[in-house]
Amino acid sequence: MDRFVLSAEDGTFFHLSGWTRAVVDEFKHRDRSLVALRGDQVVGVLPLTECGGVLGGRSLISNAYAVYGGPAAADRETEVALVRAAEELAVAEGVGRLELRCKRDLDLGFERLDLHATFIRELPDQAEEVLKRMPKKARADARKAREGHGLTLVEGRWYLGDLVRLFHANKQALGSPALPATFFARLLSNFPDHSTIHLTKQGDEPVMAVMSFLFRDQVLAYYSGSAPDADRRCKASGFTYMALQEWSVRAGYRLFDFGRSRKGAGAFAFKARQGFEAQDLYYQVRLVRDRALPSLNPSNPKTLVLQRGWRSLPAGLARRLSTSASRYLP
């Protein structure tokens, strides 16, 4: 199956079996992935995770804890067959919804969650060109971070502890549960050759960390965390992503995936200021038992009370509660 994903036009890192395996092992969800065969040849895959809700409801998501999903197929006929099979499964199991996190519109009559965009661009041929092609303000900030604040970027999977610590602190500041440290460790274990961590340091002080996934000719800068005042004090984010692109060029990659952001959010604006162009994502939902599209997201004013409450928790308690809470936020 993974061999097909690596060659499929719509295949993404999150279509690989190691992603679903990490999710199932960590959060105890159920793998319901579909594979299309023509004879003994794989011609399509639809990664599908059955996730439980807080109040006992269930949903089928492609793919859980991921920004991309949906069918990856050799042709339109197979693509439609996979989605219809997923629909039949959703109805037979009586789940609340089937959610496909696609990069493009499947044109199958589903409702659309129009909340997010992704940011992907081609990398230049030379690492030195990364800084030159950044917008003027972003370029000045990145140069100041490197030359004035002395920031450096280092790589190593052993920086996992720094990533988790910074990631958890950022999530609590946003009022959101964080993912367990063991989930990050599972991803590193499942993808020994296709995942890495970069750490930005100011002297000996870690100020930002990023976990990236390496898929075909792409680098996906996926999970990140930074010190509370790192951007104000030393422009850590602008430097980190500039330096990570330079690393990607030197490592021979062609595309840089800056990841998904919610439209109107600060991260969306930041990525645009770095010279990346937003590309709409086509998250498509087939409501089965649910009456409305999912609304538990920062765009919903009703979540403000929950966010304030989470921010007020002691850090240690927030980390412990995140282990169970994150199971219901796929």
Protein backbone atom coordinates (compact mmCIF):
# COMPACT_ATOMS: atom_id res chain seq x y z
CA MET A 1 0.00 0.00 0.00
CA ASP A 2 2.74 2.47 0.92
CA ARG A 3 4.49 1.79 -2.38
CA PHE A 4 1.36 2.95 -4.20
CA VAL A 5 1.03 6.05 -1.98
CA LEU A 6 4.59 7.07 -2.81
CA SER A 7 3.74 7.17 -6.51
CA ALA A 8 0.10 8.36 -6.41
CA GLU A 9 -0.67 11.92 -7.51
CA ASP A 10 -2.89 12.55 -4.48
CA GLY A 11 -0.71 10.58 -2.07
CA THR A 12 0.53 12.48 0.99
CA PHE A 13 2.61 11.67 4.03
CA PHE A 14 -0.62 11.09 5.96
CA HIS A 15 -1.68 8.35 3.57
CA LEU A 16 1.25 6.21 4.71
CA SER A 17 0.36 3.31 6.98
CA GLY A 18 2.82 4.43 9.64
CA TRP A 19 0.73 7.53 10.34
CA THR A 20 -2.49 5.62 10.94
CA ARG A 21 -0.59 3.03 12.98
CA ALA A 22 0.79 5.74 15.27
CA VAL A 23 -2.69 7.24 15.74
CA VAL A 24 -4.32 3.89 16.48
CA ASP A 25 -1.59 2.77 18.86
CA GLU A 26 -1.51 6.08 20.75
CA PHE A 27 -5.17 7.05 20.96
CA LYS A 28 -6.81 3.62 20.70
CA HIS A 29 -8.91 4.61 17.71
CA ARG A 30 -9.80 2.04 15.06
CA ASP A 31 -8.18 1.68 11.66
CA ARG A 32 -10.91 1.41 8.98
CA SER A 33 -8.70 2.19 5.98
CA LEU A 34 -9.81 1.01 2.53
CA VAL A 35 -7.64 -0.38 -0.26
CA ALA A 36 -8.75 -0.79 -3.88
CA LEU A 37 -7.31 -3.72 -5.83
CA ARG A 38 -7.36 -4.52 -9.52
CA GLY A 39 -6.36 -8.14 -9.56
CA ASP A 40 -3.49 -8.25 -7.10
CA GLN A 41 -2.39 -4.68 -7.82
CA VAL A 42 -3.16 -1.77 -5.49
CA VAL A 43 -4.88 1.02 -7.43
CA GLY A 44 -6.18 3.16 -4.60
CA VAL A 45 -6.12 3.79 -0.86
CA LEU A 46 -8.33 5.74 1.52
CA PRO A 47 -6.79 6.07 5.01
CA LEU A 48 -9.69 6.08 7.43
CA THR A 49 -9.73 6.27 11.21
CA GLU A 50 -12.78 5.65 13.38
CA CYS A 51 -12.60 8.11 16.25
CA GLY A 52 -14.71 8.20 19.40
CA GLY A 53 -16.23 11.41 20.73
CA VAL A 54 -16.48 12.76 24.28
CA LEU A 55 -20.17 11.87 24.54
CA GLY A 56 -19.85 8.50 22.89
CA GLY A 57 -20.43 9.44 19.26
CA ARG A 58 -18.08 8.28 16.53
CA SER A 59 -16.76 9.66 13.27
CA LEU A 60 -14.76 8.39 10.32
CA ILE A 61 -11.92 10.76 9.43
CA SER A 62 -9.39 10.68 6.61
CA ASN A 63 -7.03 11.19 8.16
CA ALA A 64 -7.15 11.75 11.91
CA TYR A 65 -4.64 14.20 13.44
CA ALA A 66 -3.60 15.03 9.88
CA VAL A 67 -4.13 18.00 7.58
CA TYR A 68 -4.52 15.94 4.39
CA GLY A 69 -6.41 12.79 3.51
CA GLY A 70 -9.14 11.53 1.24
CA PRO A 71 -8.72 9.00 -1.55
CA ALA A 72 -5.49 8.54 -3.47
CA ALA A 73 -6.40 6.58 -6.57
CA ALA A 74 -5.09 5.65 -9.99
CA ASP A 75 -8.22 6.97 -11.74
CA ARG A 76 -11.56 8.69 -11.16
CA GLU A 77 -13.52 5.43 -11.14
CA THR A 78 -11.41 4.07 -8.27
CA GLU A 79 -11.57 7.38 -6.40
CA VAL A 80 -15.37 7.40 -6.50
CA ALA A 81 -15.56 3.72 -5.53
CA LEU A 82 -13.40 4.31 -2.45
CA VAL A 83 -15.50 7.25 -1.28
CA ARG A 84 -18.77 5.40 -1.87
CA ALA A 85 -17.44 2.42 0.08
CA ALA A 86 -16.54 4.77 2.92
CA GLU A 87 -20.05 6.24 2.79
CA GLU A 88 -21.57 2.78 3.01
CA LEU A 89 -19.34 1.97 5.97
CA ALA A 90 -20.31 5.22 7.71
CA VAL A 91 -24.02 4.51 7.27
CA ALA A 92 -23.71 0.86 8.28
CA GLU A 93 -21.76 1.77 11.45
CA GLY A 94 -24.09 4.66 12.29
CA VAL A 95 -21.32 7.19 12.85
CA GLY A 96 -21.95 10.90 13.13
CA ARG A 97 -20.03 11.91 10.00
CA LEU A 98 -17.52 10.94 7.37
CA GLU A 99 -14.85 13.64 6.98
CA LEU A 100 -12.35 13.71 4.11
CA ARG A 101 -9.49 16.22 4.44
CA CYS A 102 -8.72 16.73 0.78
CA LYS A 103 -6.53 19.17 -1.10
CA ARG A 104 -9.07 19.42 -3.91
CA ASP A 105 -12.82 19.18 -4.42
CA LEU A 106 -13.93 15.60 -5.09
CA ASP A 107 -17.19 16.89 -6.61
CA LEU A 108 -19.28 14.17 -4.97
CA GLY A 109 -21.95 16.31 -3.36
CA PHE A 110 -20.48 16.48 0.14
CA GLU A 111 -20.74 19.52 2.40
CA ARG A 112 -17.57 21.54 2.79
CA LEU A 113 -15.68 22.76 5.84
CA ASP A 114 -14.13 25.96 4.51
CA LEU A 115 -11.92 26.90 7.44
CA HIS A 116 -8.36 26.19 6.38
CA ALA A 117 -5.73 26.80 3.75
CA THR A 118 -2.31 25.29 3.21
CA PHE A 119 0.94 26.94 2.14
CA ILE A 120 3.25 25.11 -0.28
CA ARG A 121 5.90 26.53 -2.59
CA GLU A 122 8.81 25.38 -4.69
CA LEU A 123 12.25 25.73 -3.20
CA PRO A 124 15.00 27.57 -5.10
CA ASP A 125 17.99 25.78 -6.57
CA GLN A 126 20.45 27.37 -4.16
CA ALA A 127 20.09 27.80 -0.40
CA GLU A 128 21.31 31.39 -0.67
CA GLU A 129 18.23 32.23 -2.75
CA VAL A 130 15.81 31.48 0.12
CA LEU A 131 16.56 34.70 1.95
CA LYS A 132 16.74 36.77 -1.22
CA ARG A 133 13.23 35.91 -2.37
CA MET A 134 11.54 36.63 0.97
CA PRO A 135 9.48 39.85 1.21
CA LYS A 136 11.52 42.84 2.38
CA LYS A 137 10.29 42.99 6.01
CA ALA A 138 10.52 39.23 6.54
CA ARG A 139 13.97 39.19 4.96
CA ALA A 140 15.19 41.95 7.27
CA ASP A 141 13.84 40.18 10.35
CA ALA A 142 15.45 36.87 9.40
CA ARG A 143 18.78 38.52 8.67
CA LYS A 144 18.66 40.39 11.99
CA ALA A 145 17.84 37.15 13.82
CA ARG A 146 20.88 35.45 12.35
CA GLU A 147 23.40 38.29 12.41
CA GLY A 148 22.13 40.42 15.28
CA HIS A 149 20.64 37.90 17.67
CA GLY A 150 23.00 35.05 16.84
CA LEU A 151 20.37 32.40 16.13
CA THR A 152 21.51 29.06 14.74
CA LEU A 153 19.63 26.00 13.48
CA VAL A 154 20.70 22.46 14.37
CA GLU A 155 19.16 19.12 13.45
CA GLY A 156 18.70 15.96 15.51
CA ARG A 157 15.96 13.55 16.54
CA TRP A 158 17.38 13.76 20.08
CA TYR A 159 15.83 17.23 20.39
CA LEU A 160 12.43 15.58 20.96
CA GLY A 161 12.30 16.70 24.59
CA ASP A 162 12.80 20.34 23.61
CA LEU A 163 10.10 20.09 20.95
CA VAL A 164 7.56 18.57 23.35
CA ARG A 165 8.29 21.11 26.10
CA LEU A 166 7.94 24.10 23.78
CA PHE A 167 4.94 22.61 21.95
CA HIS A 168 3.04 22.02 25.20
CA ALA A 169 3.76 25.54 26.46
CA ASN A 170 2.47 27.07 23.21
CA LYS A 171 -0.67 24.96 23.18
CA GLN A 172 -1.57 25.93 26.74
CA ALA A 173 -1.01 29.60 25.91
CA LEU A 174 -3.53 29.14 23.08
CA GLY A 175 -5.98 27.41 25.41
CA SER A 176 -5.79 24.04 23.72
CA PRO A 177 -4.80 20.52 24.85
CA ALA A 178 -1.50 19.28 23.45
CA LEU A 179 -0.55 15.91 22.02
CA PRO A 180 1.21 13.40 24.30
CA ALA A 181 5.00 13.14 24.16
CA THR A 182 4.60 9.45 23.38
CA PHE A 183 2.80 10.27 20.12
CA PHE A 184 5.78 12.24 18.84
CA ALA A 185 8.04 9.36 19.84
CA ARG A 186 5.84 6.91 17.91
CA LEU A 187 6.09 9.04 14.78
CA LEU A 188 9.86 9.15 15.01
CA SER A 189 9.91 5.39 15.49
CA ASN A 190 7.51 4.67 12.61
CA PHE A 191 9.36 7.00 10.23
CA PRO A 192 13.07 6.64 11.06
CA ASP A 193 14.12 7.88 7.63
CA HIS A 194 11.28 10.30 6.97
CA SER A 195 11.09 12.49 10.07
CA THR A 196 13.46 14.86 11.80
CA ILE A 197 13.60 17.67 14.36
CA HIS A 198 15.30 21.04 14.05
CA LEU A 199 16.14 23.24 17.00
CA THR A 200 16.83 26.97 16.89
CA LYS A 201 19.22 28.14 19.56
CA GLN A 202 20.38 31.50 20.84
CA GLY A 203 23.69 30.60 22.32
CA ASP A 204 22.90 27.50 24.37
CA GLU A 205 19.23 28.40 24.86
CA PRO A 206 16.59 26.53 22.80
CA VAL A 207 14.12 29.11 21.50
CA MET A 208 12.17 27.11 18.88
CA ALA A 209 11.80 23.54 17.63
CA VAL A 210 10.11 22.01 14.56
CA MET A 211 9.30 18.39 13.71
CA SER A 212 9.27 17.89 9.94
CA PHE A 213 8.21 14.98 7.78
CA LEU A 214 10.08 14.08 4.61
CA PHE A 215 7.86 12.77 1.82
CA ARG A 216 9.07 12.24 -1.74
CA ASP A 217 10.53 15.61 -2.76
CA GLN A 218 8.80 17.56 0.01
CA VAL A 219 9.59 18.78 3.50
CA LEU A 220 6.51 19.23 5.69
CA ALA A 221 7.21 21.54 8.64
CA TYR A 222 4.46 20.11 10.84
CA TYR A 223 4.74 20.41 14.64
CA SER A 224 6.45 23.38 16.28
CA GLY A 225 6.91 25.12 19.57
CA SER A 226 8.72 28.27 20.66
CA ALA A 227 9.71 30.03 23.85
CA PRO A 228 7.01 32.48 25.03
CA ASP A 229 8.88 35.63 24.03
CA ALA A 230 11.06 34.21 21.25
CA ASP A 231 9.46 36.11 18.38
CA ARG A 232 9.39 39.45 20.17
CA ARG A 233 12.90 39.04 21.52
CA CYS A 234 14.78 37.52 18.59
CA LYS A 235 12.42 36.89 15.62
CA ALA A 236 12.72 33.12 16.16
CA SER A 237 9.89 31.99 13.86
CA GLY A 238 10.99 33.97 10.83
CA PHE A 239 14.56 32.77 11.23
CA THR A 240 13.63 29.14 11.89
CA TYR A 241 11.50 28.68 8.80
CA MET A 242 13.99 30.54 6.63
CA ALA A 243 16.83 28.35 7.89
CA LEU A 244 14.70 25.21 7.56
CA GLN A 245 14.08 26.03 3.91
CA GLU A 246 17.82 26.48 3.42
CA TRP A 247 18.39 23.07 5.01
CA SER A 248 15.73 21.58 2.70
CA VAL A 249 17.48 22.94 -0.39
CA ARG A 250 20.85 21.58 0.73
CA ALA A 251 19.24 18.20 1.45
CA GLY A 252 17.91 18.03 -2.12
CA TYR A 253 14.19 18.66 -1.59
CA ARG A 254 12.08 20.55 -4.12
CA LEU A 255 8.94 21.62 -2.21
CA PHE A 256 8.42 23.19 1.20
CA ASP A 257 5.06 22.59 2.88
CA PHE A 258 4.50 25.28 5.51
CA GLY A 259 1.40 23.49 6.75
CA ARG A 260 -2.24 24.26 7.33
CA SER A 261 -3.56 27.39 9.01
CA ARG A 262 -7.04 28.55 9.89
CA LYS A 263 -8.17 31.44 7.72
CA GLY A 264 -7.98 34.72 9.60
CA ALA A 265 -5.63 33.37 12.26
CA GLY A 266 -2.26 34.81 13.19
CA ALA A 267 -0.38 31.85 11.73
CA PHE A 268 -2.16 32.37 8.39
CA ALA A 269 -1.02 36.00 8.27
CA PHE A 270 2.53 35.09 9.32
CA LYS A 271 2.94 32.58 6.50
CA ALA A 272 1.63 35.09 3.98
CA ARG A 273 4.16 37.63 5.26
CA GLN A 274 6.92 35.09 4.61
CA GLY A 275 6.00 35.11 0.92
CA PHE A 276 3.84 31.97 0.80
CA GLU A 277 0.53 31.92 -1.07
CA ALA A 278 -2.52 30.36 0.56
CA GLN A 279 -4.17 27.40 -1.18
CA ASP A 280 -7.69 26.47 -0.09
CA LEU A 281 -8.24 23.04 1.41
CA TYR A 282 -11.38 21.10 0.53
CA TYR A 283 -12.44 19.34 3.70
CA GLN A 284 -15.59 17.46 2.71
CA VAL A 285 -18.15 16.02 5.10
CA ARG A 286 -20.92 13.49 4.65
CA LEU A 287 -23.31 13.92 7.59
CA VAL A 288 -24.77 10.61 8.71
CA ARG A 289 -26.23 10.98 12.21
CA ASP A 290 -24.87 14.45 12.95
CA ARG A 291 -27.19 17.34 12.15
CA ALA A 292 -24.51 19.96 11.54
CA LEU A 293 -20.88 20.33 10.56
CA PRO A 294 -18.34 20.05 13.40
CA SER A 295 -17.84 23.38 15.17
CA LEU A 296 -15.34 22.67 17.96
CA ASN A 297 -12.61 24.97 16.67
CA PRO A 298 -11.09 28.36 17.62
CA SER A 299 -13.34 30.11 15.10
CA ASN A 300 -16.37 29.30 17.25
CA PRO A 301 -16.96 31.95 19.96
CA LYS A 302 -18.45 29.25 22.18
CA THR A 303 -15.01 27.73 22.66
CA LEU A 304 -13.64 30.89 24.32
CA VAL A 305 -14.70 29.75 27.79
CA LEU A 306 -12.94 26.42 27.31
CA GLN A 307 -9.80 28.18 26.07
CA ARG A 308 -9.70 30.55 29.05
CA GLY A 309 -10.15 27.65 31.44
CA TRP A 310 -7.33 25.66 29.86
CA ARG A 311 -4.96 28.63 29.96
CA SER A 312 -5.56 28.99 33.70
CA LEU A 313 -4.54 25.42 34.53
CA PRO A 314 -1.18 24.73 36.18
CA ALA A 315 1.26 23.58 33.49
CA GLY A 316 1.74 20.12 35.00
CA LEU A 317 -2.00 19.51 35.24
CA ALA A 318 -2.53 20.70 31.67
CA ARG A 319 0.08 18.22 30.44
CA ARG A 320 -1.57 15.34 32.29
CA LEU A 321 -5.07 16.24 31.13
CA SER A 322 -3.87 16.66 27.54
CA THR A 323 -3.14 12.94 27.33
CA SER A 324 -6.82 12.08 27.65
CA ALA A 325 -8.31 15.25 26.11
CA SER A 326 -6.32 15.00 22.88
CA ARG A 327 -7.98 11.66 22.15
CA TYR A 328 -11.17 13.58 21.36
CA LEU A 329 -9.57 16.22 19.13
CA PRO A 330 -8.57 14.30 16.01
